[in-house]
Amino acid sequence: MNRNLLAIMLLTVSTLTVNVLASCNNKVKKSYNVGIDVQTQFENDKVQIYIDDEKILDKQLTTNDVLGVCLPDGVVHKEVKEGKRKLKVVVNGSATEVEKFTLTEDVYIGVRYDRSKGEISYIFQKEKFMYD
């Protein structure tokens, strides 16, 4: 009977040890700033921006041609957990562009719209955009 009790105790300790070690591998995900600037060629356009299917912007926007950005409503900052992310921009309910990226640090994204082609493009950079 002592042998059985010892075997049960060893199995229990082993199971607990494996669970503790497994939980140590689960990192707490960091959050980073995602800055999105709606930039050139917008003219009273309905712009919707999503990160991982969460709507973070839904506004009518017009580019300030002197600065090259839709101020103040076209600049959005959001804290987002690290990992694989999806950015989706919809302009006027028809032009849509989806970009997948991996977030490992703060990132700043410029959104541009080519009115003549109805195409959306992105610029990714590590520093905030500067406007004169």
C-alpha atoms as a PDB file:
ATOM      1  CA  MET A   1       0.000   0.000   0.000  1.00  0.00           C
ATOM      2  CA  ASN A   2       2.874   2.404   0.711  1.00  0.00           C
ATOM      3  CA  ARG A   3       4.138   1.762  -2.805  1.00  0.00           C
ATOM      4  CA  ASN A   4       0.823   2.761  -4.333  1.00  0.00           C
ATOM      5  CA  LEU A   5       0.667   5.896  -2.212  1.00  0.00           C
ATOM      6  CA  LEU A   6       4.211   6.829  -3.247  1.00  0.00           C
ATOM      7  CA  ALA A   7       3.359   6.288  -6.926  1.00  0.00           C
ATOM      8  CA  ILE A   8       0.267   8.507  -6.635  1.00  0.00           C
ATOM      9  CA  MET A   9       2.272  11.231  -4.886  1.00  0.00           C
ATOM     10  CA  LEU A  10       4.999  11.125  -7.563  1.00  0.00           C
ATOM     11  CA  LEU A  11       2.403  11.328 -10.341  1.00  0.00           C
ATOM     12  CA  THR A  12       0.716  14.300  -8.653  1.00  0.00           C
ATOM     13  CA  VAL A  13       4.023  16.147  -8.159  1.00  0.00           C
ATOM     14  CA  SER A  14       5.037  15.434 -11.759  1.00  0.00           C
ATOM     15  CA  THR A  15       1.730  16.748 -13.091  1.00  0.00           C
ATOM     16  CA  LEU A  16       1.993  19.904 -10.975  1.00  0.00           C
ATOM     17  CA  THR A  17       5.580  20.479 -12.143  1.00  0.00           C
ATOM     18  CA  VAL A  18       4.597  20.164 -15.812  1.00  0.00           C
ATOM     19  CA  ASN A  19       1.675  22.593 -15.320  1.00  0.00           C
ATOM     20  CA  VAL A  20       3.886  25.159 -13.563  1.00  0.00           C
ATOM     21  CA  LEU A  21       6.558  24.955 -16.268  1.00  0.00           C
ATOM     22  CA  ALA A  22       3.967  25.226 -19.033  1.00  0.00           C
ATOM     23  CA  SER A  23       2.462  28.343 -17.466  1.00  0.00           C
ATOM     24  CA  CYS A  24       5.908  29.982 -17.367  1.00  0.00           C
ATOM     25  CA  ASN A  25       6.038  29.794 -21.163  1.00  0.00           C
ATOM     26  CA  ASN A  26       2.834  31.817 -21.540  1.00  0.00           C
ATOM     27  CA  LYS A  27       4.219  35.329 -21.963  1.00  0.00           C
ATOM     28  CA  VAL A  28       2.146  38.347 -21.145  1.00  0.00           C
ATOM     29  CA  LYS A  29       1.689  40.107 -24.478  1.00  0.00           C
ATOM     30  CA  LYS A  30       2.940  43.667 -24.645  1.00  0.00           C
ATOM     31  CA  SER A  31       0.903  46.477 -26.127  1.00  0.00           C
ATOM     32  CA  TYR A  32       2.257  48.908 -28.688  1.00  0.00           C
ATOM     33  CA  ASN A  33       1.026  52.160 -30.188  1.00  0.00           C
ATOM     34  CA  VAL A  34      -0.443  51.928 -33.667  1.00  0.00           C
ATOM     35  CA  GLY A  35      -0.711  55.411 -35.172  1.00  0.00           C
ATOM     36  CA  ILE A  36      -2.780  55.777 -38.319  1.00  0.00           C
ATOM     37  CA  ASP A  37      -2.726  58.983 -40.366  1.00  0.00           C
ATOM     38  CA  VAL A  38      -5.254  59.383 -43.170  1.00  0.00           C
ATOM     39  CA  GLN A  39      -3.149  61.338 -45.640  1.00  0.00           C
ATOM     40  CA  THR A  40      -3.459  62.318 -49.304  1.00  0.00           C
ATOM     41  CA  GLN A  41      -6.268  62.712 -51.854  1.00  0.00           C
ATOM     42  CA  PHE A  42      -9.298  62.405 -49.595  1.00  0.00           C
ATOM     43  CA  GLU A  43     -12.135  64.766 -50.487  1.00  0.00           C
ATOM     44  CA  ASN A  44     -15.213  64.477 -48.268  1.00  0.00           C
ATOM     45  CA  ASP A  45     -14.797  60.687 -48.356  1.00  0.00           C
ATOM     46  CA  LYS A  46     -16.338  58.268 -45.853  1.00  0.00           C
ATOM     47  CA  VAL A  47     -13.353  56.461 -44.326  1.00  0.00           C
ATOM     48  CA  GLN A  48     -13.642  53.392 -42.115  1.00  0.00           C
ATOM     49  CA  ILE A  49     -10.582  51.853 -40.471  1.00  0.00           C
ATOM     50  CA  TYR A  50     -10.479  48.525 -38.663  1.00  0.00           C
ATOM     51  CA  ILE A  51      -7.750  46.769 -36.700  1.00  0.00           C
ATOM     52  CA  ASP A  52      -8.536  43.067 -36.312  1.00  0.00           C
ATOM     53  CA  ASP A  53     -12.188  43.738 -37.229  1.00  0.00           C
ATOM     54  CA  GLU A  54     -12.560  46.410 -34.503  1.00  0.00           C
ATOM     55  CA  LYS A  55     -13.716  49.684 -36.043  1.00  0.00           C
ATOM     56  CA  ILE A  56     -11.443  52.484 -34.838  1.00  0.00           C
ATOM     57  CA  LEU A  57     -12.494  55.231 -37.259  1.00  0.00           C
ATOM     58  CA  ASP A  58     -15.688  56.013 -39.190  1.00  0.00           C
ATOM     59  CA  LYS A  59     -15.694  59.608 -40.484  1.00  0.00           C
ATOM     60  CA  GLN A  60     -16.132  61.843 -43.512  1.00  0.00           C
ATOM     61  CA  LEU A  61     -12.616  63.172 -44.193  1.00  0.00           C
ATOM     62  CA  THR A  62     -10.936  65.724 -46.423  1.00  0.00           C
ATOM     63  CA  THR A  63      -7.177  66.105 -46.835  1.00  0.00           C
ATOM     64  CA  ASN A  64      -5.619  69.421 -45.849  1.00  0.00           C
ATOM     65  CA  ASP A  65      -3.640  69.892 -49.081  1.00  0.00           C
ATOM     66  CA  VAL A  66      -1.063  72.133 -47.398  1.00  0.00           C
ATOM     67  CA  LEU A  67      -0.185  69.525 -44.752  1.00  0.00           C
ATOM     68  CA  GLY A  68      -1.061  66.330 -46.631  1.00  0.00           C
ATOM     69  CA  VAL A  69      -3.178  64.845 -43.841  1.00  0.00           C
ATOM     70  CA  CYS A  70      -6.830  64.898 -42.724  1.00  0.00           C
ATOM     71  CA  LEU A  71      -6.614  66.889 -39.480  1.00  0.00           C
ATOM     72  CA  PRO A  72      -7.793  66.581 -36.788  1.00  0.00           C
ATOM     73  CA  ASP A  73     -10.136  63.609 -37.259  1.00  0.00           C
ATOM     74  CA  GLY A  74      -7.927  61.585 -39.609  1.00  0.00           C
ATOM     75  CA  VAL A  75      -5.194  60.844 -37.072  1.00  0.00           C
ATOM     76  CA  VAL A  76      -5.874  57.916 -34.733  1.00  0.00           C
ATOM     77  CA  HIS A  77      -3.694  56.236 -32.097  1.00  0.00           C
ATOM     78  CA  LYS A  78      -4.584  52.904 -30.529  1.00  0.00           C
ATOM     79  CA  GLU A  79      -2.800  50.595 -28.081  1.00  0.00           C
ATOM     80  CA  VAL A  80      -2.755  47.115 -29.615  1.00  0.00           C
ATOM     81  CA  LYS A  81      -1.336  43.834 -28.284  1.00  0.00           C
ATOM     82  CA  GLU A  82       1.732  42.450 -30.036  1.00  0.00           C
ATOM     83  CA  GLY A  83       1.324  39.682 -32.590  1.00  0.00           C
ATOM     84  CA  LYS A  84      -0.233  39.155 -35.983  1.00  0.00           C
ATOM     85  CA  ARG A  85      -2.652  41.944 -36.859  1.00  0.00           C
ATOM     86  CA  LYS A  86      -4.935  42.930 -39.726  1.00  0.00           C
ATOM     87  CA  LEU A  87      -5.540  46.494 -40.932  1.00  0.00           C
ATOM     88  CA  LYS A  88      -8.531  47.165 -43.156  1.00  0.00           C
ATOM     89  CA  VAL A  89      -9.478  50.502 -44.714  1.00  0.00           C
ATOM     90  CA  VAL A  90     -12.720  51.118 -46.614  1.00  0.00           C
ATOM     91  CA  VAL A  91     -13.323  54.326 -48.574  1.00  0.00           C
ATOM     92  CA  ASN A  92     -16.867  55.265 -49.613  1.00  0.00           C
ATOM     93  CA  GLY A  93     -18.051  51.710 -49.035  1.00  0.00           C
ATOM     94  CA  SER A  94     -16.344  50.400 -52.162  1.00  0.00           C
ATOM     95  CA  ALA A  95     -12.548  50.776 -52.202  1.00  0.00           C
ATOM     96  CA  THR A  96     -11.096  48.304 -49.694  1.00  0.00           C
ATOM     97  CA  GLU A  97      -7.506  47.415 -48.803  1.00  0.00           C
ATOM     98  CA  VAL A  98      -6.468  44.786 -46.235  1.00  0.00           C
ATOM     99  CA  GLU A  99      -2.909  44.470 -44.943  1.00  0.00           C
ATOM    100  CA  LYS A 100      -1.643  41.860 -42.498  1.00  0.00           C
ATOM    101  CA  PHE A 101       1.363  42.706 -40.349  1.00  0.00           C
ATOM    102  CA  THR A 102       3.152  41.540 -37.225  1.00  0.00           C
ATOM    103  CA  LEU A 103       3.241  44.071 -34.397  1.00  0.00           C
ATOM    104  CA  THR A 104       6.501  43.941 -32.404  1.00  0.00           C
ATOM    105  CA  GLU A 105       6.990  47.664 -31.709  1.00  0.00           C
ATOM    106  CA  ASP A 106       5.220  50.997 -32.131  1.00  0.00           C
ATOM    107  CA  VAL A 107       4.221  51.526 -35.756  1.00  0.00           C
ATOM    108  CA  TYR A 108       2.880  54.498 -37.698  1.00  0.00           C
ATOM    109  CA  ILE A 109       0.822  53.911 -40.818  1.00  0.00           C
ATOM    110  CA  GLY A 110       0.008  56.439 -43.510  1.00  0.00           C
ATOM    111  CA  VAL A 111      -3.154  55.766 -45.506  1.00  0.00           C
ATOM    112  CA  ARG A 112      -3.261  57.204 -49.017  1.00  0.00           C
ATOM    113  CA  TYR A 113      -6.005  57.179 -51.606  1.00  0.00           C
ATOM    114  CA  ASP A 114      -5.574  57.440 -55.366  1.00  0.00           C
ATOM    115  CA  ARG A 115      -8.892  58.960 -56.423  1.00  0.00           C
ATOM    116  CA  SER A 116      -8.312  58.353 -60.141  1.00  0.00           C
ATOM    117  CA  LYS A 117      -7.821  54.594 -59.652  1.00  0.00           C
ATOM    118  CA  GLY A 118      -9.914  54.143 -56.511  1.00  0.00           C
ATOM    119  CA  GLU A 119      -6.927  52.475 -54.812  1.00  0.00           C
ATOM    120  CA  ILE A 120      -5.805  52.622 -51.182  1.00  0.00           C
ATOM    121  CA  SER A 121      -2.143  52.237 -50.212  1.00  0.00           C
ATOM    122  CA  TYR A 122      -0.187  52.195 -46.957  1.00  0.00           C
ATOM    123  CA  ILE A 123       3.159  53.464 -45.716  1.00  0.00           C
ATOM    124  CA  PHE A 124       4.547  51.757 -42.578  1.00  0.00           C
ATOM    125  CA  GLN A 125       7.259  53.454 -40.517  1.00  0.00           C
ATOM    126  CA  LYS A 126       8.740  53.415 -37.013  1.00  0.00           C
ATOM    127  CA  GLU A 127       8.509  57.169 -36.380  1.00  0.00           C
ATOM    128  CA  LYS A 128       5.492  59.449 -36.175  1.00  0.00           C
ATOM    129  CA  PHE A 129       4.662  61.383 -39.320  1.00  0.00           C
ATOM    130  CA  MET A 130       5.697  65.046 -39.230  1.00  0.00           C
ATOM    131  CA  TYR A 131       3.712  67.766 -40.949  1.00  0.00           C
ATOM    132  CA  ASP A 132       4.851  71.345 -41.519  1.00  0.00           C
END
